[in-house]
N, C-alpha and C. Protein backbone atom coordinates (compact mmCIF):
# COMPACT_ATOMS: atom_id res chain seq x y z
N MET A 1 15.46 5.39 -7.43
CA MET A 1 14.72 4.11 -7.21
C MET A 1 13.11 4.43 -7.30
N PRO A 2 12.50 3.82 -8.43
CA PRO A 2 10.76 4.10 -8.18
C PRO A 2 10.43 3.59 -6.82
N HIS A 3 9.47 4.25 -6.00
CA HIS A 3 8.29 3.82 -4.78
C HIS A 3 7.29 3.08 -5.85
N VAL A 4 6.83 2.07 -4.29
CA VAL A 4 5.32 1.80 -4.29
C VAL A 4 4.76 1.91 -3.39
N TYR A 5 3.46 1.61 -2.98
CA TYR A 5 3.31 2.49 -1.72
C TYR A 5 1.44 1.40 -1.55
N LYS A 6 1.52 1.24 -0.19
CA LYS A 6 0.36 0.09 0.50
C LYS A 6 -0.35 1.41 1.32
N ILE A 7 -1.44 1.15 1.05
CA ILE A 7 -2.61 2.09 1.70
C ILE A 7 -3.16 1.05 2.62
N VAL A 8 -3.62 1.23 3.91
CA VAL A 8 -3.34 0.20 4.77
C VAL A 8 -3.74 1.17 6.39
N ASP A 9 -5.08 0.18 6.52
CA ASP A 9 -5.54 -0.12 7.82
C ASP A 9 -4.64 0.84 9.23
N SER A 10 -4.37 2.13 9.87
CA SER A 10 -3.26 2.12 10.92
C SER A 10 -2.99 1.04 11.83
N THR A 11 -3.99 0.54 12.32
CA THR A 11 -4.23 -0.71 13.45
C THR A 11 -3.57 -1.75 12.82
N VAL A 12 -3.60 -1.85 11.79
CA VAL A 12 -3.37 -3.30 10.53
C VAL A 12 -1.69 -2.82 10.61
N TRP A 13 -1.51 -2.10 10.65
CA TRP A 13 0.11 -1.86 10.04
C TRP A 13 0.71 -1.73 11.44
N ALA A 14 -0.09 -1.10 12.50
CA ALA A 14 0.37 -1.03 13.65
C ALA A 14 0.98 -2.50 13.96
N ASN A 15 0.13 -3.53 13.84
CA ASN A 15 0.06 -4.76 14.79
C ASN A 15 1.10 -5.43 14.01
N ALA A 16 0.96 -5.20 12.89
CA ALA A 16 2.22 -5.77 11.85
C ALA A 16 3.87 -5.35 12.04
N THR A 17 3.82 -3.95 12.35
CA THR A 17 5.18 -3.75 13.24
C THR A 17 5.72 -4.34 14.09
N LYS A 18 4.54 -4.46 15.27
CA LYS A 18 4.88 -5.15 16.30
C LYS A 18 5.32 -6.68 16.11
N ALA A 19 4.95 -6.91 15.49
CA ALA A 19 4.86 -8.51 14.90
C ALA A 19 6.16 -8.95 14.10
N GLY A 20 6.46 -7.61 13.45
CA GLY A 20 7.54 -7.78 12.58
C GLY A 20 7.61 -8.44 11.17
N VAL A 21 6.26 -8.45 10.95
CA VAL A 21 5.84 -9.11 9.71
C VAL A 21 4.49 -8.44 9.07
N PHE A 22 4.18 -8.05 7.83
CA PHE A 22 3.01 -7.76 7.62
C PHE A 22 2.61 -9.13 6.38
N LYS A 23 1.57 -9.51 6.59
CA LYS A 23 1.16 -10.57 5.91
C LYS A 23 -0.02 -10.10 4.80
N GLY A 24 -0.49 -8.90 5.28
CA GLY A 24 -1.50 -8.20 4.33
C GLY A 24 -2.90 -8.02 5.00
N ALA A 25 -3.87 -7.56 4.27
CA ALA A 25 -4.89 -7.38 4.72
C ALA A 25 -5.39 -7.96 4.45
N ALA A 26 -6.72 -7.90 4.93
CA ALA A 26 -7.71 -8.68 4.26
C ALA A 26 -7.91 -9.38 2.54
N ILE A 27 -7.88 -8.13 2.04
CA ILE A 27 -8.03 -8.47 0.72
C ILE A 27 -7.02 -9.19 -0.06
N ASP A 28 -5.70 -9.11 0.92
CA ASP A 28 -4.75 -9.48 0.38
C ASP A 28 -4.47 -10.83 0.82
N LEU A 29 -4.67 -11.26 1.94
CA LEU A 29 -5.16 -12.79 2.44
C LEU A 29 -5.56 -13.48 1.22
N ARG A 30 -6.68 -12.72 0.90
CA ARG A 30 -7.83 -13.41 0.20
C ARG A 30 -7.49 -13.84 -1.33
N ASP A 31 -7.10 -13.20 -1.82
CA ASP A 31 -6.28 -12.62 -3.26
C ASP A 31 -4.77 -13.59 -3.06
N GLY A 32 -4.07 -13.78 -2.02
CA GLY A 32 -2.63 -14.16 -2.07
C GLY A 32 -1.75 -13.82 -2.06
N TYR A 33 -1.57 -12.56 -2.40
CA TYR A 33 -1.00 -11.51 -2.60
C TYR A 33 -1.19 -10.33 -1.94
N ILE A 34 0.29 -9.17 -1.81
CA ILE A 34 -0.28 -7.89 -1.40
C ILE A 34 -0.21 -7.06 -2.64
N HIS A 35 -1.38 -6.79 -2.37
CA HIS A 35 -1.94 -5.11 -3.25
C HIS A 35 -0.92 -3.90 -2.93
N LEU A 36 -0.03 -3.66 -4.03
CA LEU A 36 0.28 -2.22 -4.00
C LEU A 36 -0.22 -1.26 -5.03
N SER A 37 0.50 0.19 -5.29
CA SER A 37 0.25 0.98 -6.16
C SER A 37 1.54 1.33 -6.17
N SER A 38 1.46 2.21 -7.46
CA SER A 38 2.84 3.11 -8.06
C SER A 38 2.43 4.62 -7.41
N ALA A 39 3.23 5.38 -7.87
CA ALA A 39 2.83 7.21 -7.46
C ALA A 39 1.72 7.15 -8.58
N ASP A 40 1.55 7.10 -9.51
CA ASP A 40 0.05 7.21 -10.33
C ASP A 40 -1.06 6.32 -10.23
N GLN A 41 -0.81 5.60 -9.34
CA GLN A 41 -2.18 4.85 -9.09
C GLN A 41 -2.99 4.92 -7.41
N ALA A 42 -1.62 5.37 -6.87
CA ALA A 42 -2.43 5.19 -5.55
C ALA A 42 -3.68 6.26 -5.03
N GLU A 43 -3.93 7.17 -5.60
CA GLU A 43 -5.11 8.06 -5.45
C GLU A 43 -6.46 7.37 -6.13
N GLU A 44 -5.84 6.82 -7.46
CA GLU A 44 -7.26 6.26 -7.56
C GLU A 44 -7.94 4.75 -6.72
N THR A 45 -6.54 4.19 -6.10
CA THR A 45 -6.78 3.07 -5.84
C THR A 45 -7.59 3.35 -4.38
N ALA A 46 -7.09 4.67 -3.68
CA ALA A 46 -7.87 5.10 -2.41
C ALA A 46 -9.37 5.79 -2.65
N ARG A 47 -9.47 6.17 -3.85
CA ARG A 47 -10.88 6.55 -4.06
C ARG A 47 -11.62 5.48 -4.62
N LEU A 48 -11.24 4.75 -5.27
CA LEU A 48 -12.31 3.42 -5.63
C LEU A 48 -12.25 2.41 -4.45
N HIS A 49 -11.40 2.18 -3.52
CA HIS A 49 -11.76 1.11 -2.81
C HIS A 49 -11.41 1.45 -1.14
N PHE A 50 -10.90 2.97 -0.67
CA PHE A 50 -11.07 2.79 0.61
C PHE A 50 -12.32 4.83 0.65
N ALA A 51 -12.81 4.88 -0.23
CA ALA A 51 -13.73 5.85 0.07
C ALA A 51 -14.87 6.18 1.23
N GLY A 52 -14.15 6.97 2.12
CA GLY A 52 -14.80 7.42 3.65
C GLY A 52 -14.34 6.42 4.71
N VAL A 53 -12.99 5.46 4.48
CA VAL A 53 -12.39 4.61 5.20
C VAL A 53 -11.61 5.62 6.39
N ALA A 54 -11.66 6.00 7.64
CA ALA A 54 -11.16 6.58 7.90
C ALA A 54 -9.50 5.81 8.95
N ASN A 55 -8.67 6.17 9.44
CA ASN A 55 -7.77 5.79 10.28
C ASN A 55 -6.65 4.95 9.11
N LEU A 56 -6.62 5.73 7.78
CA LEU A 56 -5.42 4.93 6.92
C LEU A 56 -4.33 5.35 6.84
N LEU A 57 -3.18 4.51 6.53
CA LEU A 57 -1.75 4.95 6.61
C LEU A 57 -1.36 4.77 4.91
N LEU A 58 -0.40 5.86 4.56
CA LEU A 58 -0.19 5.19 3.04
C LEU A 58 1.55 5.11 3.50
N VAL A 59 2.22 3.75 3.26
CA VAL A 59 3.03 3.36 3.47
C VAL A 59 4.23 3.04 2.45
N ALA A 60 5.14 3.93 1.82
CA ALA A 60 6.40 3.67 1.05
C ALA A 60 7.37 2.98 0.92
N PHE A 61 7.74 2.12 -0.22
CA PHE A 61 8.76 1.07 -0.04
C PHE A 61 9.45 1.42 -1.35
N GLU A 62 10.62 1.45 -1.26
CA GLU A 62 11.44 1.34 -2.54
C GLU A 62 11.15 -0.34 -3.50
N ALA A 63 10.74 0.15 -4.73
CA ALA A 63 10.49 -1.02 -5.26
C ALA A 63 11.31 -2.11 -5.31
N ALA A 64 12.80 -1.73 -5.14
CA ALA A 64 13.83 -2.94 -5.49
C ALA A 64 13.86 -3.40 -4.44
N VAL A 65 13.42 -3.21 -2.87
CA VAL A 65 13.55 -3.89 -1.81
C VAL A 65 13.29 -5.63 -1.86
N PHE A 66 11.81 -5.21 -2.85
CA PHE A 66 11.08 -6.73 -3.00
C PHE A 66 11.73 -7.82 -3.87
N GLY A 67 12.75 -7.39 -4.63
CA GLY A 67 13.81 -8.11 -5.44
C GLY A 67 12.88 -8.78 -6.51
N LYS A 68 12.74 -10.08 -6.55
CA LYS A 68 11.97 -10.91 -7.77
C LYS A 68 10.34 -11.06 -7.02
N ASN A 69 10.29 -10.33 -5.85
CA ASN A 69 9.03 -10.75 -5.17
C ASN A 69 8.04 -9.66 -5.58
N LEU A 70 8.40 -8.74 -6.35
CA LEU A 70 7.56 -7.66 -6.56
C LEU A 70 7.11 -8.33 -8.64
N LYS A 71 6.01 -8.59 -8.57
CA LYS A 71 5.28 -8.94 -9.88
C LYS A 71 4.21 -7.49 -10.32
N TRP A 72 4.22 -7.31 -11.56
CA TRP A 72 3.57 -6.02 -12.19
C TRP A 72 2.90 -6.75 -12.82
N GLU A 73 1.43 -7.09 -12.52
CA GLU A 73 0.42 -7.72 -13.14
C GLU A 73 -0.94 -6.83 -13.34
N ALA A 74 -1.60 -7.63 -14.74
CA ALA A 74 -2.68 -6.76 -15.32
C ALA A 74 -3.92 -6.73 -13.96
N SER A 75 -4.07 -5.91 -13.49
CA SER A 75 -5.66 -5.46 -12.81
C SER A 75 -6.89 -4.69 -13.62
N ARG A 76 -7.38 -4.30 -12.71
CA ARG A 76 -8.04 -3.06 -13.68
C ARG A 76 -8.16 -2.52 -14.61
N GLY A 77 -8.82 -3.56 -15.95
CA GLY A 77 -8.69 -2.68 -17.40
C GLY A 77 -7.49 -3.57 -17.94
N GLY A 78 -6.56 -4.06 -16.92
CA GLY A 78 -5.72 -4.89 -17.82
C GLY A 78 -4.10 -3.66 -17.54
N THR A 79 -4.59 -2.96 -16.43
CA THR A 79 -3.14 -1.74 -16.09
C THR A 79 -2.49 -2.51 -15.18
N LEU A 80 -1.30 -2.61 -15.46
CA LEU A 80 -0.18 -3.49 -14.28
C LEU A 80 0.05 -2.68 -13.00
N PHE A 81 -0.19 -3.57 -12.14
CA PHE A 81 0.00 -3.22 -10.59
C PHE A 81 0.96 -4.05 -10.15
N PRO A 82 1.10 -3.19 -9.00
CA PRO A 82 2.55 -4.18 -8.52
C PRO A 82 1.97 -4.92 -7.71
N HIS A 83 2.60 -6.34 -7.00
CA HIS A 83 2.37 -7.04 -6.43
C HIS A 83 2.76 -7.70 -5.83
N VAL A 84 3.17 -7.92 -4.40
CA VAL A 84 4.12 -8.51 -3.42
C VAL A 84 3.64 -9.94 -3.30
N HIS A 85 4.42 -11.47 -3.58
CA HIS A 85 3.74 -12.50 -2.91
C HIS A 85 4.52 -13.28 -2.28
N VAL A 86 5.05 -12.37 -1.03
CA VAL A 86 5.67 -12.96 -0.04
C VAL A 86 5.16 -11.51 1.13
N SER A 87 5.06 -12.20 2.53
CA SER A 87 5.08 -11.36 3.38
C SER A 87 6.16 -10.23 3.68
N ILE A 88 5.91 -9.18 3.94
CA ILE A 88 6.76 -8.21 4.15
C ILE A 88 7.03 -7.72 5.56
N ASP A 89 8.16 -7.28 5.63
CA ASP A 89 9.24 -6.62 7.00
C ASP A 89 8.50 -5.38 7.22
N PRO A 90 7.95 -4.83 7.95
CA PRO A 90 7.87 -3.64 8.26
C PRO A 90 8.95 -2.47 8.27
N ALA A 91 9.99 -3.25 8.50
CA ALA A 91 10.90 -2.21 8.79
C ALA A 91 11.69 -1.96 7.57
N THR A 92 11.39 -2.62 6.48
CA THR A 92 11.91 -2.15 5.11
C THR A 92 10.91 -1.01 4.71
N ALA A 93 9.58 -0.59 5.17
CA ALA A 93 9.04 0.50 4.55
C ALA A 93 10.20 1.93 4.66
N LEU A 94 10.06 2.98 3.90
CA LEU A 94 10.32 4.03 3.82
C LEU A 94 9.97 5.12 5.09
N TRP A 95 8.43 4.79 5.11
CA TRP A 95 7.62 5.46 5.91
C TRP A 95 6.34 5.22 5.92
N ALA A 96 5.72 5.55 6.87
CA ALA A 96 4.06 5.27 7.08
C ALA A 96 3.30 6.86 7.65
N LYS A 97 2.76 7.42 6.56
CA LYS A 97 2.12 8.73 7.03
C LYS A 97 0.58 8.60 6.97
N PRO A 98 0.03 9.24 7.90
CA PRO A 98 -1.19 9.20 7.74
C PRO A 98 -2.28 9.70 6.26
N MET A 99 -3.09 9.10 6.56
CA MET A 99 -4.26 9.77 4.51
C MET A 99 -5.28 10.03 5.49
N PRO A 100 -5.52 11.36 6.20
CA PRO A 100 -7.13 11.27 6.70
C PRO A 100 -8.30 11.47 6.01
N TRP A 101 -9.32 11.01 6.06
CA TRP A 101 -10.35 11.41 5.13
C TRP A 101 -10.93 12.52 5.48
N ASN A 102 -11.15 13.22 4.56
CA ASN A 102 -11.77 14.64 4.47
C ASN A 102 -13.14 15.05 4.44
N GLY A 103 -13.58 13.87 4.09
CA GLY A 103 -15.30 14.07 3.97
C GLY A 103 -15.55 13.95 2.18
N ALA A 104 -14.86 14.21 1.69
CA ALA A 104 -14.50 13.88 0.56
C ALA A 104 -13.54 12.75 -0.07
N THR A 105 -12.66 13.10 0.10
CA THR A 105 -11.78 12.47 -0.33
C THR A 105 -10.51 12.24 0.59
N HIS A 106 -9.58 11.27 0.48
CA HIS A 106 -8.11 11.24 1.52
C HIS A 106 -6.81 12.19 0.96
N ASP A 107 -6.71 12.84 2.26
CA ASP A 107 -5.52 13.75 2.37
C ASP A 107 -4.29 13.36 2.06
N PHE A 108 -3.68 12.95 1.13
CA PHE A 108 -2.32 12.42 0.79
C PHE A 108 -0.96 13.33 1.58
N PRO A 109 -0.36 12.41 2.08
CA PRO A 109 0.95 13.44 2.98
C PRO A 109 1.55 14.26 1.87
N PRO A 110 2.03 15.70 2.19
CA PRO A 110 2.38 16.74 1.19
C PRO A 110 3.80 16.03 0.74
N GLY A 111 4.04 15.76 -0.12
CA GLY A 111 5.40 15.47 -1.06
C GLY A 111 5.37 14.23 -1.05
N TRP A 112 4.19 13.24 -1.28
CA TRP A 112 4.93 12.11 -0.63
C TRP A 112 5.04 11.42 -2.31
N LYS A 113 4.82 11.95 -3.57
CA LYS A 113 5.08 11.13 -4.90
C LYS A 113 6.93 11.25 -4.78
N SER A 114 7.42 10.43 -5.05
CA SER A 114 8.93 9.98 -5.48
C SER A 114 8.87 9.03 -6.18
């Protein structure tokens, strides 16, 4: 099964885990859906939208866990990105791993692509 990924502030994810529901980060709440990335998109997403941001996590999900709530919708120049149109149960995450900022880019966890 393909995986999809959420880049999120570690405190936001910790709070969602405690509450048992992730309603999204600020941009998700503004846009009305949760932005995700495919394995081929996550590094560019980090570069374009999270440069210089510390305390991030990369959270992995099996795409199938979202069923019909996962929509592949046009974004950046028509590229299709995965979006979830409901809140997420953090327990459905496969894992959440740190993505430290190294001063130039984010270090993605070893072996993260699957």
